[in-house]
């Protein structure tokens, strides 16, 4: 089983990748290239799921070590912004694809 620090580092890396993908997605939406939009949407969904899974695993480790629940919830508040942006881009891509069809 991976350590807390390892999982946290992995999560931070995935969030950075998610942010980078979000930036690429904005350019792809502007271009309106449907195959690229579909690819971006798949990547965003996959990375979002990976981040969420890691979040749950990290929270489980913290609960096992008897950390206060309030501290656990506060730690993930800044990370929610990246997830919110990714979800919005997924929605925008879906709208763009609907307009194309």
PDB file of N, CA and C in Angstrom:
ATOM      1  N   UNK A   1       0.845  -1.190   0.000  1.00  0.00           N
ATOM      2  CA  UNK A   1       0.000   0.000   0.000  1.00  0.00           C
ATOM      3  C   UNK A   1       0.889   1.252   0.000  1.00  0.00           C
ATOM      4  N   UNK A   2       0.547   2.189  -0.816  1.00  0.00           N
ATOM      5  CA  UNK A   2       1.313   3.429  -0.923  1.00  0.00           C
ATOM      6  C   UNK A   2       1.120   4.278   0.331  1.00  0.00           C
ATOM      7  N   UNK A   3       2.094   5.104   0.583  1.00  0.00           N
ATOM      8  CA  UNK A   3       2.029   5.969   1.745  1.00  0.00           C
ATOM      9  C   UNK A   3       1.120   7.171   1.478  1.00  0.00           C
ATOM     10  N   UNK A   4       0.779   7.831   2.550  1.00  0.00           N
ATOM     11  CA  UNK A   4      -0.020   9.050   2.448  1.00  0.00           C
ATOM     12  C   UNK A   4       0.691  10.081   1.572  1.00  0.00           C
ATOM     13  N   UNK A   5       1.987  10.256   1.824  1.00  0.00           N
ATOM     14  CA  UNK A   5       2.760  11.252   1.070  1.00  0.00           C
ATOM     15  C   UNK A   5       2.803  10.902  -0.420  1.00  0.00           C
ATOM     16  N   UNK A   6       2.959   9.614  -0.714  1.00  0.00           N
ATOM     17  CA  UNK A   6       2.989   9.174  -2.110  1.00  0.00           C
ATOM     18  C   UNK A   6       1.669   9.420  -2.815  1.00  0.00           C
ATOM     19  N   UNK A   7       0.576   9.117  -2.121  1.00  0.00           N
ATOM     20  CA  UNK A   7      -0.746   9.339  -2.705  1.00  0.00           C
ATOM     21  C   UNK A   7      -1.015  10.827  -2.896  1.00  0.00           C
ATOM     22  N   UNK A   8      -0.590  11.631  -1.922  1.00  0.00           N
ATOM     23  CA  UNK A   8      -0.786  13.073  -2.028  1.00  0.00           C
ATOM     24  C   UNK A   8       0.015  13.639  -3.196  1.00  0.00           C
ATOM     25  N   UNK A   9       1.240  13.191  -3.363  1.00  0.00           N
ATOM     26  CA  UNK A   9       2.073  13.638  -4.482  1.00  0.00           C
ATOM     27  C   UNK A   9       1.447  13.230  -5.812  1.00  0.00           C
ATOM     28  N   UNK A  10       0.937  12.008  -5.878  1.00  0.00           N
ATOM     29  CA  UNK A  10       0.272  11.532  -7.088  1.00  0.00           C
ATOM     30  C   UNK A  10      -0.958  12.383  -7.399  1.00  0.00           C
ATOM     31  N   UNK A  11      -1.708  12.738  -6.356  1.00  0.00           N
ATOM     32  CA  UNK A  11      -2.894  13.566  -6.547  1.00  0.00           C
ATOM     33  C   UNK A  11      -2.503  14.947  -7.055  1.00  0.00           C
ATOM     34  N   UNK A  12      -1.479  15.534  -6.484  1.00  0.00           N
ATOM     35  CA  UNK A  12      -1.026  16.856  -6.925  1.00  0.00           C
ATOM     36  C   UNK A  12      -0.575  16.824  -8.380  1.00  0.00           C
ATOM     37  N   UNK A  13       0.092  15.746  -8.771  1.00  0.00           N
ATOM     38  CA  UNK A  13       0.525  15.601 -10.170  1.00  0.00           C
ATOM     39  C   UNK A  13      -0.675  15.517 -11.092  1.00  0.00           C
ATOM     40  N   UNK A  14      -1.681  14.732 -10.706  1.00  0.00           N
ATOM     41  CA  UNK A  14      -2.880  14.587 -11.526  1.00  0.00           C
ATOM     42  C   UNK A  14      -3.653  15.902 -11.622  1.00  0.00           C
ATOM     43  N   UNK A  15      -3.667  16.668 -10.552  1.00  0.00           N
ATOM     44  CA  UNK A  15      -4.341  17.974 -10.586  1.00  0.00           C
ATOM     45  C   UNK A  15      -3.607  18.920 -11.529  1.00  0.00           C
ATOM     46  N   UNK A  16      -2.276  18.892 -11.515  1.00  0.00           N
ATOM     47  CA  UNK A  16      -1.506  19.720 -12.458  1.00  0.00           C
ATOM     48  C   UNK A  16      -1.812  19.318 -13.892  1.00  0.00           C
ATOM     49  N   UNK A  17      -1.890  18.005 -14.128  1.00  0.00           N
ATOM     50  CA  UNK A  17      -2.227  17.518 -15.463  1.00  0.00           C
ATOM     51  C   UNK A  17      -3.644  17.938 -15.839  1.00  0.00           C
ATOM     52  N   UNK A  18      -4.547  17.893 -14.888  1.00  0.00           N
ATOM     53  CA  UNK A  18      -5.925  18.314 -15.123  1.00  0.00           C
ATOM     54  C   UNK A  18      -5.974  19.792 -15.501  1.00  0.00           C
ATOM     55  N   UNK A  19      -5.212  20.616 -14.815  1.00  0.00           N
ATOM     56  CA  UNK A  19      -5.166  22.049 -15.131  1.00  0.00           C
ATOM     57  C   UNK A  19      -4.579  22.285 -16.528  1.00  0.00           C
ATOM     58  N   UNK A  20      -3.528  21.561 -16.853  1.00  0.00           N
ATOM     59  CA  UNK A  20      -2.925  21.673 -18.182  1.00  0.00           C
ATOM     60  C   UNK A  20      -3.926  21.255 -19.258  1.00  0.00           C
ATOM     61  N   UNK A  21      -4.624  20.170 -19.012  1.00  0.00           N
ATOM     62  CA  UNK A  21      -5.635  19.697 -19.958  1.00  0.00           C
ATOM     63  C   UNK A  21      -6.760  20.711 -20.098  1.00  0.00           C
ATOM     64  N   UNK A  22      -7.125  21.361 -18.995  1.00  0.00           N
ATOM     65  CA  UNK A  22      -8.150  22.404 -19.047  1.00  0.00           C
ATOM     66  C   UNK A  22      -7.734  23.545 -19.965  1.00  0.00           C
ATOM     67  N   UNK A  23      -6.473  23.938 -19.875  1.00  0.00           N
ATOM     68  CA  UNK A  23      -5.978  25.008 -20.747  1.00  0.00           C
ATOM     69  C   UNK A  23      -6.030  24.586 -22.215  1.00  0.00           C
ATOM     70  N   UNK A  24      -5.627  23.361 -22.482  1.00  0.00           N
ATOM     71  CA  UNK A  24      -5.685  22.844 -23.850  1.00  0.00           C
ATOM     72  C   UNK A  24      -7.131  22.765 -24.325  1.00  0.00           C
ATOM     73  N   UNK A  25      -8.027  22.414 -23.420  1.00  0.00           N
ATOM     74  CA  UNK A  25      -9.442  22.282 -23.766  1.00  0.00           C
ATOM     75  C   UNK A  25     -10.023  23.612 -24.210  1.00  0.00           C
ATOM     76  N   UNK A  26      -9.642  24.695 -23.536  1.00  0.00           N
ATOM     77  CA  UNK A  26     -10.146  26.008 -23.916  1.00  0.00           C
ATOM     78  C   UNK A  26      -9.765  26.338 -25.355  1.00  0.00           C
ATOM     79  N   UNK A  27      -8.522  26.036 -25.728  1.00  0.00           N
ATOM     80  CA  UNK A  27      -8.088  26.288 -27.109  1.00  0.00           C
ATOM     81  C   UNK A  27      -8.836  25.377 -28.087  1.00  0.00           C
ATOM     82  N   UNK A  28      -9.072  24.142 -27.687  1.00  0.00           N
ATOM     83  CA  UNK A  28      -9.772  23.194 -28.554  1.00  0.00           C
ATOM     84  C   UNK A  28     -11.223  23.618 -28.758  1.00  0.00           C
ATOM     85  N   UNK A  29     -11.854  24.118 -27.711  1.00  0.00           N
ATOM     86  CA  UNK A  29     -13.241  24.591 -27.818  1.00  0.00           C
ATOM     87  C   UNK A  29     -13.296  25.760 -28.804  1.00  0.00           C
ATOM     88  N   UNK A  30     -12.338  26.667 -28.703  1.00  0.00           N
ATOM     89  CA  UNK A  30     -12.303  27.813 -29.610  1.00  0.00           C
ATOM     90  C   UNK A  30     -12.157  27.377 -31.065  1.00  0.00           C
ATOM     91  N   UNK A  31     -11.368  26.327 -31.296  1.00  0.00           N
ATOM     92  CA  UNK A  31     -11.173  25.819 -32.661  1.00  0.00           C
ATOM     93  C   UNK A  31     -12.380  25.024 -33.141  1.00  0.00           C
ATOM     94  N   UNK A  32     -13.088  24.382 -32.206  1.00  0.00           N
ATOM     95  CA  UNK A  32     -14.275  23.613 -32.573  1.00  0.00           C
ATOM     96  C   UNK A  32     -13.979  22.318 -33.313  1.00  0.00           C
ATOM     97  N   UNK A  33     -12.817  21.764 -33.152  1.00  0.00           N
ATOM     98  CA  UNK A  33     -12.438  20.515 -33.815  1.00  0.00           C
ATOM     99  C   UNK A  33     -13.009  19.340 -33.025  1.00  0.00           C
ATOM    100  N   UNK A  34     -14.065  18.704 -33.557  1.00  0.00           N
ATOM    101  CA  UNK A  34     -14.829  17.697 -32.833  1.00  0.00           C
ATOM    102  C   UNK A  34     -13.994  16.499 -32.371  1.00  0.00           C
ATOM    103  N   UNK A  35     -13.161  15.871 -33.217  1.00  0.00           N
ATOM    104  CA  UNK A  35     -12.373  14.737 -32.710  1.00  0.00           C
ATOM    105  C   UNK A  35     -11.489  15.118 -31.517  1.00  0.00           C
ATOM    106  N   UNK A  36     -10.915  16.310 -31.560  1.00  0.00           N
ATOM    107  CA  UNK A  36     -10.088  16.771 -30.445  1.00  0.00           C
ATOM    108  C   UNK A  36     -10.937  17.019 -29.206  1.00  0.00           C
ATOM    109  N   UNK A  37     -12.122  17.557 -29.412  1.00  0.00           N
ATOM    110  CA  UNK A  37     -13.035  17.795 -28.290  1.00  0.00           C
ATOM    111  C   UNK A  37     -13.401  16.490 -27.601  1.00  0.00           C
ATOM    112  N   UNK A  38     -13.700  15.476 -28.392  1.00  0.00           N
ATOM    113  CA  UNK A  38     -14.065  14.175 -27.817  1.00  0.00           C
ATOM    114  C   UNK A  38     -12.900  13.589 -27.026  1.00  0.00           C
ATOM    115  N   UNK A  39     -11.710  13.720 -27.556  1.00  0.00           N
ATOM    116  CA  UNK A  39     -10.511  13.212 -26.889  1.00  0.00           C
ATOM    117  C   UNK A  39     -10.291  13.970 -25.572  1.00  0.00           C
ATOM    118  N   UNK A  40     -10.412  15.280 -25.612  1.00  0.00           N
ATOM    119  CA  UNK A  40     -10.236  16.101 -24.417  1.00  0.00           C
ATOM    120  C   UNK A  40     -11.265  15.732 -23.352  1.00  0.00           C
ATOM    121  N   UNK A  41     -12.482  15.511 -23.775  1.00  0.00           N
ATOM    122  CA  UNK A  41     -13.542  15.154 -22.837  1.00  0.00           C
ATOM    123  C   UNK A  41     -13.218  13.836 -22.131  1.00  0.00           C
ATOM    124  N   UNK A  42     -12.736  12.852 -22.895  1.00  0.00           N
ATOM    125  CA  UNK A  42     -12.365  11.561 -22.290  1.00  0.00           C
ATOM    126  C   UNK A  42     -11.233  11.736 -21.275  1.00  0.00           C
ATOM    127  N   UNK A  43     -10.233  12.515 -21.638  1.00  0.00           N
ATOM    128  CA  UNK A  43      -9.093  12.733 -20.742  1.00  0.00           C
ATOM    129  C   UNK A  43      -9.559  13.425 -19.461  1.00  0.00           C
ATOM    130  N   UNK A  44     -10.371  14.466 -19.600  1.00  0.00           N
ATOM    131  CA  UNK A  44     -10.855  15.190 -18.426  1.00  0.00           C
ATOM    132  C   UNK A  44     -11.645  14.274 -17.496  1.00  0.00           C
ATOM    133  N   UNK A  45     -12.534  13.482 -18.062  1.00  0.00           N
ATOM    134  CA  UNK A  45     -13.332  12.580 -17.236  1.00  0.00           C
ATOM    135  C   UNK A  45     -12.454  11.558 -16.517  1.00  0.00           C
ATOM    136  N   UNK A  46     -11.494  11.007 -17.235  1.00  0.00           N
ATOM    137  CA  UNK A  46     -10.604   9.998 -16.647  1.00  0.00           C
ATOM    138  C   UNK A  46      -9.783  10.592 -15.507  1.00  0.00           C
ATOM    139  N   UNK A  47      -9.172  11.732 -15.741  1.00  0.00           N
ATOM    140  CA  UNK A  47      -8.331  12.358 -14.715  1.00  0.00           C
ATOM    141  C   UNK A  47      -9.150  12.812 -13.514  1.00  0.00           C
ATOM    142  N   UNK A  48     -10.356  13.269 -13.767  1.00  0.00           N
ATOM    143  CA  UNK A  48     -11.241  13.676 -12.677  1.00  0.00           C
ATOM    144  C   UNK A  48     -11.566  12.484 -11.787  1.00  0.00           C
ATOM    145  N   UNK A  49     -11.860  11.345 -12.388  1.00  0.00           N
ATOM    146  CA  UNK A  49     -12.129  10.128 -11.626  1.00  0.00           C
ATOM    147  C   UNK A  49     -10.904   9.688 -10.835  1.00  0.00           C
ATOM    148  N   UNK A  50      -9.725   9.770 -11.448  1.00  0.00           N
ATOM    149  CA  UNK A  50      -8.488   9.383 -10.766  1.00  0.00           C
ATOM    150  C   UNK A  50      -8.231  10.278  -9.548  1.00  0.00           C
ATOM    151  N   UNK A  51      -8.440  11.579  -9.707  1.00  0.00           N
ATOM    152  CA  UNK A  51      -8.243  12.511  -8.596  1.00  0.00           C
ATOM    153  C   UNK A  51      -9.226  12.194  -7.477  1.00  0.00           C
ATOM    154  N   UNK A  52     -10.471  11.949  -7.834  1.00  0.00           N
ATOM    155  CA  UNK A  52     -11.479  11.657  -6.821  1.00  0.00           C
ATOM    156  C   UNK A  52     -11.129  10.372  -6.064  1.00  0.00           C
ATOM    157  N   UNK A  53     -10.701   9.339  -6.786  1.00  0.00           N
ATOM    158  CA  UNK A  53     -10.328   8.075  -6.141  1.00  0.00           C
ATOM    159  C   UNK A  53      -9.172   8.272  -5.169  1.00  0.00           C
ATOM    160  N   UNK A  54      -8.172   9.038  -5.584  1.00  0.00           N
ATOM    161  CA  UNK A  54      -7.044   9.321  -4.694  1.00  0.00           C
ATOM    162  C   UNK A  54      -7.490  10.117  -3.466  1.00  0.00           C
ATOM    163  N   UNK A  55      -8.394  11.049  -3.671  1.00  0.00           N
ATOM    164  CA  UNK A  55      -8.914  11.849  -2.563  1.00  0.00           C
ATOM    165  C   UNK A  55      -9.535  10.939  -1.510  1.00  0.00           C
ATOM    166  N   UNK A  56     -10.345   9.994  -1.957  1.00  0.00           N
ATOM    167  CA  UNK A  56     -10.997   9.069  -1.030  1.00  0.00           C
ATOM    168  C   UNK A  56      -9.959   8.208  -0.309  1.00  0.00           C
ATOM    169  N   UNK A  57      -8.966   7.710  -1.034  1.00  0.00           N
ATOM    170  CA  UNK A  57      -7.919   6.892  -0.422  1.00  0.00           C
ATOM    171  C   UNK A  57      -7.139   7.690   0.633  1.00  0.00           C
ATOM    172  N   UNK A  58      -6.825   8.937   0.325  1.00  0.00           N
ATOM    173  CA  UNK A  58      -6.102   9.789   1.270  1.00  0.00           C
ATOM    174  C   UNK A  58      -6.956  10.054   2.505  1.00  0.00           C
ATOM    175  N   UNK A  59      -8.232  10.322   2.294  1.00  0.00           N
ATOM    176  CA  UNK A  59      -9.117  10.562   3.428  1.00  0.00           C
ATOM    177  C   UNK A  59      -9.212   9.314   4.308  1.00  0.00           C
ATOM    178  N   UNK A  60      -9.260   8.140   3.702  1.00  0.00           N
ATOM    179  CA  UNK A  60      -9.295   6.900   4.475  1.00  0.00           C
ATOM    180  C   UNK A  60      -8.038   6.754   5.336  1.00  0.00           C
ATOM    181  N   UNK A  61      -6.873   7.044   4.746  1.00  0.00           N
ATOM    182  CA  UNK A  61      -5.622   6.961   5.504  1.00  0.00           C
ATOM    183  C   UNK A  61      -5.624   7.939   6.680  1.00  0.00           C
ATOM    184  N   UNK A  62      -6.148   9.126   6.453  1.00  0.00           N
ATOM    185  CA  UNK A  62      -6.190  10.131   7.514  1.00  0.00           C
ATOM    186  C   UNK A  62      -7.162   9.713   8.621  1.00  0.00           C
ATOM    187  N   UNK A  63      -8.275   9.122   8.243  1.00  0.00           N
ATOM    188  CA  UNK A  63      -9.239   8.651   9.239  1.00  0.00           C
ATOM    189  C   UNK A  63      -8.617   7.523  10.065  1.00  0.00           C
ATOM    190  N   UNK A  64      -7.883   6.624   9.393  1.00  0.00           N
ATOM    191  CA  UNK A  64      -7.206   5.531  10.099  1.00  0.00           C
ATOM    192  C   UNK A  64      -6.191   6.055  11.108  1.00  0.00           C
ATOM    193  N   UNK A  65      -5.588   7.202  10.805  1.00  0.00           N
ATOM    194  CA  UNK A  65      -4.607   7.774  11.731  1.00  0.00           C
ATOM    195  C   UNK A  65      -5.264   8.711  12.740  1.00  0.00           C
ATOM    196  N   UNK A  66      -6.596   8.659  12.823  1.00  0.00           N
ATOM    197  CA  UNK A  66      -7.383   9.421  13.810  1.00  0.00           C
ATOM    198  C   UNK A  66      -7.276  10.934  13.666  1.00  0.00           C
ATOM    199  N   UNK A  67      -7.089  11.420  12.439  1.00  0.00           N
ATOM    200  CA  UNK A  67      -7.051  12.864  12.223  1.00  0.00           C
ATOM    201  C   UNK A  67      -8.479  13.419  12.309  1.00  0.00           C
ATOM    202  N   UNK A  68      -8.581  14.646  12.760  1.00  0.00           N
ATOM    203  CA  UNK A  68      -9.874  15.308  12.895  1.00  0.00           C
ATOM    204  C   UNK A  68     -10.561  15.454  11.532  1.00  0.00           C
ATOM    205  N   UNK A  69     -11.850  15.192  11.488  1.00  0.00           N
ATOM    206  CA  UNK A  69     -12.618  15.272  10.245  1.00  0.00           C
ATOM    207  C   UNK A  69     -12.562  16.663   9.639  1.00  0.00           C
ATOM    208  N   UNK A  70     -12.632  17.705  10.466  1.00  0.00           N
ATOM    209  CA  UNK A  70     -12.576  19.082   9.949  1.00  0.00           C
ATOM    210  C   UNK A  70     -11.277  19.338   9.201  1.00  0.00           C
ATOM    211  N   UNK A  71     -10.164  18.841   9.732  1.00  0.00           N
ATOM    212  CA  UNK A  71      -8.871  19.008   9.064  1.00  0.00           C
ATOM    213  C   UNK A  71      -8.845  18.298   7.719  1.00  0.00           C
ATOM    214  N   UNK A  72      -9.448  17.124   7.667  1.00  0.00           N
ATOM    215  CA  UNK A  72      -9.483  16.345   6.430  1.00  0.00           C
ATOM    216  C   UNK A  72     -10.265  17.100   5.360  1.00  0.00           C
ATOM    217  N   UNK A  73     -11.403  17.648   5.721  1.00  0.00           N
ATOM    218  CA  UNK A  73     -12.233  18.380   4.755  1.00  0.00           C
ATOM    219  C   UNK A  73     -11.555  19.662   4.286  1.00  0.00           C
ATOM    220  N   UNK A  74     -10.901  20.392   5.190  1.00  0.00           N
ATOM    221  CA  UNK A  74     -10.234  21.650   4.826  1.00  0.00           C
ATOM    222  C   UNK A  74      -9.087  21.418   3.844  1.00  0.00           C
ATOM    223  N   UNK A  75      -8.396  20.297   3.990  1.00  0.00           N
ATOM    224  CA  UNK A  75      -7.239  20.031   3.133  1.00  0.00           C
ATOM    225  C   UNK A  75      -7.622  19.965   1.659  1.00  0.00           C
ATOM    226  N   UNK A  76      -8.821  19.497   1.354  1.00  0.00           N
ATOM    227  CA  UNK A  76      -9.205  19.295  -0.039  1.00  0.00           C
ATOM    228  C   UNK A  76      -9.986  20.453  -0.640  1.00  0.00           C
ATOM    229  N   UNK A  77     -10.263  21.485   0.108  1.00  0.00           N
ATOM    230  CA  UNK A  77     -11.012  22.624  -0.421  1.00  0.00           C
ATOM    231  C   UNK A  77     -10.341  23.266  -1.637  1.00  0.00           C
ATOM    232  N   UNK A  78      -9.027  23.568  -1.623  1.00  0.00           N
ATOM    233  CA  UNK A  78      -8.407  24.184  -2.822  1.00  0.00           C
ATOM    234  C   UNK A  78      -8.423  23.251  -4.032  1.00  0.00           C
ATOM    235  N   UNK A  79      -8.375  21.968  -3.820  1.00  0.00           N
ATOM    236  CA  UNK A  79      -8.341  21.008  -4.923  1.00  0.00           C
ATOM    237  C   UNK A  79      -9.692  20.914  -5.628  1.00  0.00           C
ATOM    238  N   UNK A  80     -10.740  21.295  -4.946  1.00  0.00           N
ATOM    239  CA  UNK A  80     -12.077  21.250  -5.556  1.00  0.00           C
ATOM    240  C   UNK A  80     -12.194  22.219  -6.724  1.00  0.00           C
ATOM    241  N   UNK A  81     -11.443  23.314  -6.687  1.00  0.00           N
ATOM    242  CA  UNK A  81     -11.489  24.299  -7.775  1.00  0.00           C
ATOM    243  C   UNK A  81     -11.056  23.669  -9.093  1.00  0.00           C
ATOM    244  N   UNK A  82      -9.988  22.893  -9.082  1.00  0.00           N
ATOM    245  CA  UNK A  82      -9.523  22.231 -10.305  1.00  0.00           C
ATOM    246  C   UNK A  82     -10.591  21.277 -10.821  1.00  0.00           C
ATOM    247  N   UNK A  83     -11.223  20.560  -9.922  1.00  0.00           N
ATOM    248  CA  UNK A  83     -12.275  19.631 -10.327  1.00  0.00           C
ATOM    249  C   UNK A  83     -13.473  20.380 -10.909  1.00  0.00           C
ATOM    250  N   UNK A  84     -13.818  21.507 -10.317  1.00  0.00           N
ATOM    251  CA  UNK A  84     -14.944  22.301 -10.806  1.00  0.00           C
ATOM    252  C   UNK A  84     -14.676  22.816 -12.220  1.00  0.00           C
ATOM    253  N   UNK A  85     -13.455  23.277 -12.461  1.00  0.00           N
ATOM    254  CA  UNK A  85     -13.084  23.766 -13.789  1.00  0.00           C
ATOM    255  C   UNK A  85     -13.161  22.635 -14.818  1.00  0.00           C
ATOM    256  N   UNK A  86     -12.656  21.467 -14.429  1.00  0.00           N
ATOM    257  CA  UNK A  86     -12.694  20.319 -15.343  1.00  0.00           C
ATOM    258  C   UNK A  86     -14.131  19.932 -15.677  1.00  0.00           C
ATOM    259  N   UNK A  87     -14.999  19.903 -14.694  1.00  0.00           N
ATOM    260  CA  UNK A  87     -16.400  19.565 -14.933  1.00  0.00           C
ATOM    261  C   UNK A  87     -17.050  20.582 -15.870  1.00  0.00           C
ATOM    262  N   UNK A  88     -16.724  21.837 -15.688  1.00  0.00           N
ATOM    263  CA  UNK A  88     -17.277  22.888 -16.563  1.00  0.00           C
ATOM    264  C   UNK A  88     -16.795  22.692 -17.998  1.00  0.00           C
ATOM    265  N   UNK A  89     -15.527  22.347 -18.175  1.00  0.00           N
ATOM    266  CA  UNK A  89     -15.016  22.115 -19.521  1.00  0.00           C
ATOM    267  C   UNK A  89     -15.653  20.892 -20.162  1.00  0.00           C
ATOM    268  N   UNK A  90     -15.912  19.864 -19.381  1.00  0.00           N
ATOM    269  CA  UNK A  90     -16.617  18.685 -19.903  1.00  0.00           C
ATOM    270  C   UNK A  90     -17.992  19.097 -20.407  1.00  0.00           C
ATOM    271  N   UNK A  91     -18.658  19.942 -19.632  1.00  0.00           N
ATOM    272  CA  UNK A  91     -19.987  20.431 -20.033  1.00  0.00           C
ATOM    273  C   UNK A  91     -19.898  21.265 -21.311  1.00  0.00           C
ATOM    274  N   UNK A  92     -18.904  22.136 -21.397  1.00  0.00           N
ATOM    275  CA  UNK A  92     -18.741  22.975 -22.587  1.00  0.00           C
ATOM    276  C   UNK A  92     -18.468  22.132 -23.829  1.00  0.00           C
ATOM    277  N   UNK A  93     -17.653  21.100 -23.672  1.00  0.00           N
ATOM    278  CA  UNK A  93     -17.358  20.218 -24.800  1.00  0.00           C
ATOM    279  C   UNK A  93     -18.630  19.526 -25.261  1.00  0.00           C
ATOM    280  N   UNK A  94     -19.426  19.048 -24.318  1.00  0.00           N
ATOM    281  CA  UNK A  94     -20.678  18.377 -24.674  1.00  0.00           C
ATOM    282  C   UNK A  94     -21.603  19.327 -25.438  1.00  0.00           C
ATOM    283  N   UNK A  95     -21.680  20.571 -25.005  1.00  0.00           N
ATOM    284  CA  UNK A  95     -22.503  21.561 -25.704  1.00  0.00           C
ATOM    285  C   UNK A  95     -21.975  21.811 -27.111  1.00  0.00           C
ATOM    286  N   UNK A  96     -20.671  21.914 -27.247  1.00  0.00           N
ATOM    287  CA  UNK A  96     -20.052  22.150 -28.558  1.00  0.00           C
ATOM    288  C   UNK A  96     -20.343  20.983 -29.500  1.00  0.00           C
ATOM    289  N   UNK A  97     -20.261  19.773 -28.965  1.00  0.00           N
ATOM    290  CA  UNK A  97     -20.532  18.587 -29.786  1.00  0.00           C
ATOM    291  C   UNK A  97     -21.993  18.550 -30.229  1.00  0.00           C
ATOM    292  N   UNK A  98     -22.896  18.951 -29.337  1.00  0.00           N
ATOM    293  CA  UNK A  98     -24.321  18.988 -29.695  1.00  0.00           C
ATOM    294  C   UNK A  98     -24.568  19.974 -30.826  1.00  0.00           C
ATOM    295  N   UNK A  99     -23.903  21.111 -30.786  1.00  0.00           N
ATOM    296  CA  UNK A  99     -24.062  22.120 -31.833  1.00  0.00           C
ATOM    297  C   UNK A  99     -23.542  21.609 -33.171  1.00  0.00           C
ATOM    298  N   UNK A 100     -22.499  20.777 -33.135  1.00  0.00           N
ATOM    299  CA  UNK A 100     -21.918  20.229 -34.360  1.00  0.00           C
ATOM    300  C   UNK A 100     -22.834  19.190 -35.009  1.00  0.00           C
ATOM    301  N   UNK A 101     -23.621  18.501 -34.208  1.00  0.00           N
ATOM    302  CA  UNK A 101     -24.480  17.428 -34.750  1.00  0.00           C
ATOM    303  C   UNK A 101     -25.806  17.965 -35.089  1.00  0.00           C
TER     304      UNK A 101
END
